[in-house]
Amino acid sequence: MIYYQYMKSPVGKLLVAGNNKGLHLINFPIEGKPSLPESEWKENPKPLQEALRQLEAYFAGKLKTFSLSLCLNVSPFQKKVLTALRRVPYGETVSYGELAKNIGNPKASRAVGQANARNPIPIVIPCHRVIGSSGKLTGFGGGIAVKQSLLDLEQQYR
């Protein structure tokens, strides 16, 4: 069973989903409206209590590294990318090309970008810390303004 809870945050109302085994999903609002849970999910904050606590601490600038169990249903390549993303330090950024080099596949920056775009647990797996090689902010599931807000928050509390 997957449980969900909405969480108010500085970047909008987040949909947080998981169970006793770990966190499965964080979704940003779409066009200002909260994401909808799957029909078979049950609203219950109890199994998500630690994830919600850590997210609140992150947004308050009191948590820089998450320590949550994650349930990732992703390909081996995407798992490699997401694991590398978790090593990008708080308040720092990396380009898609650098991330590709970090996983030992320097020519895979486009594939890294696609894996990054399918990150089911943004913020905890900090895909917002990945930028274009020119230093510009590029695509982000929550939108560029949310990406900038997360980067600004981390700079503020760095």
C-alpha atoms as a PDB file:
ATOM      1  CA  MET A   1       0.000   0.000   0.000  1.00  0.00           C
ATOM      2  CA  ILE A   2       1.210   3.497  -0.857  1.00  0.00           C
ATOM      3  CA  TYR A   3       0.274   6.344   1.459  1.00  0.00           C
ATOM      4  CA  TYR A   4       0.339  10.031   0.647  1.00  0.00           C
ATOM      5  CA  GLN A   5       0.196  13.387   2.302  1.00  0.00           C
ATOM      6  CA  TYR A   6       0.271  16.928   1.016  1.00  0.00           C
ATOM      7  CA  MET A   7       2.874  19.255   2.452  1.00  0.00           C
ATOM      8  CA  LYS A   8       2.872  23.038   2.262  1.00  0.00           C
ATOM      9  CA  SER A   9       6.300  24.306   1.245  1.00  0.00           C
ATOM     10  CA  PRO A  10       7.903  27.512   0.004  1.00  0.00           C
ATOM     11  CA  VAL A  11       7.722  26.062  -3.539  1.00  0.00           C
ATOM     12  CA  GLY A  12       4.062  25.044  -3.375  1.00  0.00           C
ATOM     13  CA  LYS A  13       1.962  22.189  -2.094  1.00  0.00           C
ATOM     14  CA  LEU A  14       4.004  18.992  -2.500  1.00  0.00           C
ATOM     15  CA  LEU A  15       2.517  15.528  -2.884  1.00  0.00           C
ATOM     16  CA  VAL A  16       4.645  13.144  -0.806  1.00  0.00           C
ATOM     17  CA  ALA A  17       4.052   9.382  -1.131  1.00  0.00           C
ATOM     18  CA  GLY A  18       5.580   6.264   0.336  1.00  0.00           C
ATOM     19  CA  ASN A  19       5.121   3.519   2.866  1.00  0.00           C
ATOM     20  CA  ASN A  20       6.908   1.858   5.784  1.00  0.00           C
ATOM     21  CA  LYS A  21       9.644   0.681   3.388  1.00  0.00           C
ATOM     22  CA  GLY A  22      10.515   4.183   2.224  1.00  0.00           C
ATOM     23  CA  LEU A  23       9.753   7.263   0.216  1.00  0.00           C
ATOM     24  CA  HIS A  24       8.408   6.632  -3.303  1.00  0.00           C
ATOM     25  CA  LEU A  25       7.545  10.045  -4.694  1.00  0.00           C
ATOM     26  CA  ILE A  26       7.577  13.803  -4.297  1.00  0.00           C
ATOM     27  CA  ASN A  27       5.553  15.740  -6.865  1.00  0.00           C
ATOM     28  CA  PHE A  28       5.493  19.499  -7.348  1.00  0.00           C
ATOM     29  CA  PRO A  29       2.265  21.343  -8.096  1.00  0.00           C
ATOM     30  CA  ILE A  30       1.445  21.686 -11.785  1.00  0.00           C
ATOM     31  CA  GLU A  31       0.390  25.163 -12.890  1.00  0.00           C
ATOM     32  CA  GLY A  32      -0.249  26.073  -9.260  1.00  0.00           C
ATOM     33  CA  LYS A  33      -2.451  23.049  -8.568  1.00  0.00           C
ATOM     34  CA  PRO A  34      -1.304  20.149  -6.364  1.00  0.00           C
ATOM     35  CA  SER A  35      -0.532  16.861  -8.103  1.00  0.00           C
ATOM     36  CA  LEU A  36      -3.168  14.191  -7.626  1.00  0.00           C
ATOM     37  CA  PRO A  37      -2.434  10.889  -5.898  1.00  0.00           C
ATOM     38  CA  GLU A  38      -3.090   7.562  -7.597  1.00  0.00           C
ATOM     39  CA  SER A  39      -6.640   6.335  -6.942  1.00  0.00           C
ATOM     40  CA  GLU A  40      -5.493   3.314  -4.917  1.00  0.00           C
ATOM     41  CA  TRP A  41      -3.289   5.354  -2.550  1.00  0.00           C
ATOM     42  CA  LYS A  42      -4.517   6.166   0.955  1.00  0.00           C
ATOM     43  CA  GLU A  43      -4.052   9.504   2.667  1.00  0.00           C
ATOM     44  CA  ASN A  44      -2.097   8.903   5.873  1.00  0.00           C
ATOM     45  CA  PRO A  45       0.771  11.033   7.184  1.00  0.00           C
ATOM     46  CA  LYS A  46       2.000   8.473   9.733  1.00  0.00           C
ATOM     47  CA  PRO A  47       4.214   6.347   7.399  1.00  0.00           C
ATOM     48  CA  LEU A  48       5.582   9.595   5.936  1.00  0.00           C
ATOM     49  CA  GLN A  49       6.280  11.308   9.246  1.00  0.00           C
ATOM     50  CA  GLU A  50      10.091  11.201   8.990  1.00  0.00           C
ATOM     51  CA  ALA A  51      10.136  12.294   5.342  1.00  0.00           C
ATOM     52  CA  LEU A  52       7.834  15.220   6.143  1.00  0.00           C
ATOM     53  CA  ARG A  53       9.977  16.163   9.161  1.00  0.00           C
ATOM     54  CA  GLN A  54      13.164  16.126   7.098  1.00  0.00           C
ATOM     55  CA  LEU A  55      11.581  18.120   4.260  1.00  0.00           C
ATOM     56  CA  GLU A  56      10.396  20.756   6.747  1.00  0.00           C
ATOM     57  CA  ALA A  57      13.911  20.929   8.225  1.00  0.00           C
ATOM     58  CA  TYR A  58      15.378  21.282   4.720  1.00  0.00           C
ATOM     59  CA  PHE A  59      13.075  24.183   3.868  1.00  0.00           C
ATOM     60  CA  ALA A  60      13.950  25.833   7.206  1.00  0.00           C
ATOM     61  CA  GLY A  61      17.663  25.598   6.337  1.00  0.00           C
ATOM     62  CA  LYS A  62      18.334  23.144   9.172  1.00  0.00           C
ATOM     63  CA  LEU A  63      18.950  19.995   7.088  1.00  0.00           C
ATOM     64  CA  LYS A  64      21.519  19.696   4.350  1.00  0.00           C
ATOM     65  CA  THR A  65      21.628  15.925   3.833  1.00  0.00           C
ATOM     66  CA  PHE A  66      18.577  13.666   3.838  1.00  0.00           C
ATOM     67  CA  SER A  67      18.732  10.270   5.534  1.00  0.00           C
ATOM     68  CA  LEU A  68      15.622   8.509   4.324  1.00  0.00           C
ATOM     69  CA  SER A  69      14.923   5.062   2.962  1.00  0.00           C
ATOM     70  CA  LEU A  70      13.995   5.405  -0.697  1.00  0.00           C
ATOM     71  CA  CYS A  71      11.978   3.036  -2.863  1.00  0.00           C
ATOM     72  CA  LEU A  72      13.143   3.616  -6.406  1.00  0.00           C
ATOM     73  CA  ASN A  73      11.517   1.784  -9.281  1.00  0.00           C
ATOM     74  CA  VAL A  74      13.992   2.881 -11.945  1.00  0.00           C
ATOM     75  CA  SER A  75      16.375   1.387 -14.514  1.00  0.00           C
ATOM     76  CA  PRO A  76      19.939   0.492 -13.473  1.00  0.00           C
ATOM     77  CA  PHE A  77      21.264   3.472 -15.474  1.00  0.00           C
ATOM     78  CA  GLN A  78      18.836   5.876 -13.832  1.00  0.00           C
ATOM     79  CA  LYS A  79      19.730   4.473 -10.408  1.00  0.00           C
ATOM     80  CA  LYS A  80      23.402   5.162 -11.151  1.00  0.00           C
ATOM     81  CA  VAL A  81      22.557   8.767 -12.096  1.00  0.00           C
ATOM     82  CA  LEU A  82      20.343   9.282  -9.042  1.00  0.00           C
ATOM     83  CA  THR A  83      23.025   7.844  -6.755  1.00  0.00           C
ATOM     84  CA  ALA A  84      25.557  10.285  -8.221  1.00  0.00           C
ATOM     85  CA  LEU A  85      23.073  13.133  -7.761  1.00  0.00           C
ATOM     86  CA  ARG A  86      22.848  12.391  -4.054  1.00  0.00           C
ATOM     87  CA  ARG A  87      26.589  13.078  -3.822  1.00  0.00           C
ATOM     88  CA  VAL A  88      26.284  16.644  -5.186  1.00  0.00           C
ATOM     89  CA  PRO A  89      26.870  18.781  -2.082  1.00  0.00           C
ATOM     90  CA  TYR A  90      24.247  21.091  -0.650  1.00  0.00           C
ATOM     91  CA  GLY A  91      24.504  24.549  -2.185  1.00  0.00           C
ATOM     92  CA  GLU A  92      26.607  23.403  -5.144  1.00  0.00           C
ATOM     93  CA  THR A  93      25.744  22.641  -8.745  1.00  0.00           C
ATOM     94  CA  VAL A  94      27.016  20.265 -11.394  1.00  0.00           C
ATOM     95  CA  SER A  95      26.473  20.201 -15.151  1.00  0.00           C
ATOM     96  CA  TYR A  96      24.902  17.292 -16.999  1.00  0.00           C
ATOM     97  CA  GLY A  97      28.302  16.651 -18.588  1.00  0.00           C
ATOM     98  CA  GLU A  98      30.065  16.597 -15.213  1.00  0.00           C
ATOM     99  CA  LEU A  99      27.449  14.219 -13.871  1.00  0.00           C
ATOM    100  CA  ALA A 100      27.970  11.955 -16.891  1.00  0.00           C
ATOM    101  CA  LYS A 101      31.734  11.936 -16.161  1.00  0.00           C
ATOM    102  CA  ASN A 102      31.022  11.185 -12.501  1.00  0.00           C
ATOM    103  CA  ILE A 103      29.185   7.992 -13.463  1.00  0.00           C
ATOM    104  CA  GLY A 104      31.977   6.953 -15.813  1.00  0.00           C
ATOM    105  CA  ASN A 105      30.132   7.710 -19.048  1.00  0.00           C
ATOM    106  CA  PRO A 106      31.331  11.152 -20.241  1.00  0.00           C
ATOM    107  CA  LYS A 107      29.416  11.024 -23.538  1.00  0.00           C
ATOM    108  CA  ALA A 108      26.070  10.345 -21.861  1.00  0.00           C
ATOM    109  CA  SER A 109      25.095  13.879 -20.828  1.00  0.00           C
ATOM    110  CA  ARG A 110      21.822  13.716 -22.793  1.00  0.00           C
ATOM    111  CA  ALA A 111      20.904  10.341 -21.211  1.00  0.00           C
ATOM    112  CA  VAL A 112      21.880  11.741 -17.814  1.00  0.00           C
ATOM    113  CA  GLY A 113      19.508  14.653 -18.462  1.00  0.00           C
ATOM    114  CA  GLN A 114      16.688  12.257 -19.289  1.00  0.00           C
ATOM    115  CA  ALA A 115      17.358  10.166 -16.165  1.00  0.00           C
ATOM    116  CA  ASN A 116      17.459  13.347 -14.124  1.00  0.00           C
ATOM    117  CA  ALA A 117      14.124  14.481 -15.583  1.00  0.00           C
ATOM    118  CA  ARG A 118      12.492  11.225 -14.453  1.00  0.00           C
ATOM    119  CA  ASN A 119      13.679  11.569 -10.844  1.00  0.00           C
ATOM    120  CA  PRO A 120      10.688  10.453  -8.743  1.00  0.00           C
ATOM    121  CA  ILE A 121      12.015  12.006  -5.529  1.00  0.00           C
ATOM    122  CA  PRO A 122      13.197  15.563  -6.253  1.00  0.00           C
ATOM    123  CA  ILE A 123      14.639  17.659  -3.430  1.00  0.00           C
ATOM    124  CA  VAL A 124      15.737  14.508  -1.545  1.00  0.00           C
ATOM    125  CA  ILE A 125      17.557  13.411  -4.708  1.00  0.00           C
ATOM    126  CA  PRO A 126      18.675  16.938  -5.637  1.00  0.00           C
ATOM    127  CA  CYS A 127      18.098  17.136  -9.387  1.00  0.00           C
ATOM    128  CA  HIS A 128      17.663  20.901  -8.945  1.00  0.00           C
ATOM    129  CA  ARG A 129      21.465  21.083  -8.510  1.00  0.00           C
ATOM    130  CA  VAL A 130      22.067  20.088 -12.147  1.00  0.00           C
ATOM    131  CA  ILE A 131      22.559  22.950 -14.581  1.00  0.00           C
ATOM    132  CA  GLY A 132      23.517  23.373 -18.211  1.00  0.00           C
ATOM    133  CA  SER A 133      27.192  23.475 -19.214  1.00  0.00           C
ATOM    134  CA  SER A 134      26.862  27.240 -19.785  1.00  0.00           C
ATOM    135  CA  GLY A 135      25.800  27.696 -16.162  1.00  0.00           C
ATOM    136  CA  LYS A 136      22.181  28.401 -17.118  1.00  0.00           C
ATOM    137  CA  LEU A 137      19.261  26.735 -15.431  1.00  0.00           C
ATOM    138  CA  THR A 138      17.669  24.131 -17.658  1.00  0.00           C
ATOM    139  CA  GLY A 139      14.490  22.041 -17.464  1.00  0.00           C
ATOM    140  CA  PHE A 140      13.066  21.023 -14.125  1.00  0.00           C
ATOM    141  CA  GLY A 141       9.868  19.149 -13.251  1.00  0.00           C
ATOM    142  CA  GLY A 142       8.753  21.859 -10.855  1.00  0.00           C
ATOM    143  CA  GLY A 143       9.623  24.627 -13.316  1.00  0.00           C
ATOM    144  CA  ILE A 144      12.652  26.893 -13.574  1.00  0.00           C
ATOM    145  CA  ALA A 145      11.318  29.296 -10.907  1.00  0.00           C
ATOM    146  CA  VAL A 146      11.104  26.427  -8.396  1.00  0.00           C
ATOM    147  CA  LYS A 147      14.598  25.252  -9.356  1.00  0.00           C
ATOM    148  CA  GLN A 148      15.921  28.775  -8.766  1.00  0.00           C
ATOM    149  CA  SER A 149      14.074  28.964  -5.433  1.00  0.00           C
ATOM    150  CA  LEU A 150      15.659  25.710  -4.237  1.00  0.00           C
ATOM    151  CA  LEU A 151      19.126  26.845  -5.306  1.00  0.00           C
ATOM    152  CA  ASP A 152      18.585  30.230  -3.620  1.00  0.00           C
ATOM    153  CA  LEU A 153      17.416  28.535  -0.423  1.00  0.00           C
ATOM    154  CA  GLU A 154      20.570  26.433  -0.338  1.00  0.00           C
ATOM    155  CA  GLN A 155      22.769  29.477  -0.950  1.00  0.00           C
ATOM    156  CA  GLN A 156      21.006  31.332   1.844  1.00  0.00           C
ATOM    157  CA  TYR A 157      21.682  28.577   4.403  1.00  0.00           C
ATOM    158  CA  ARG A 158      25.009  27.336   3.053  1.00  0.00           C
END
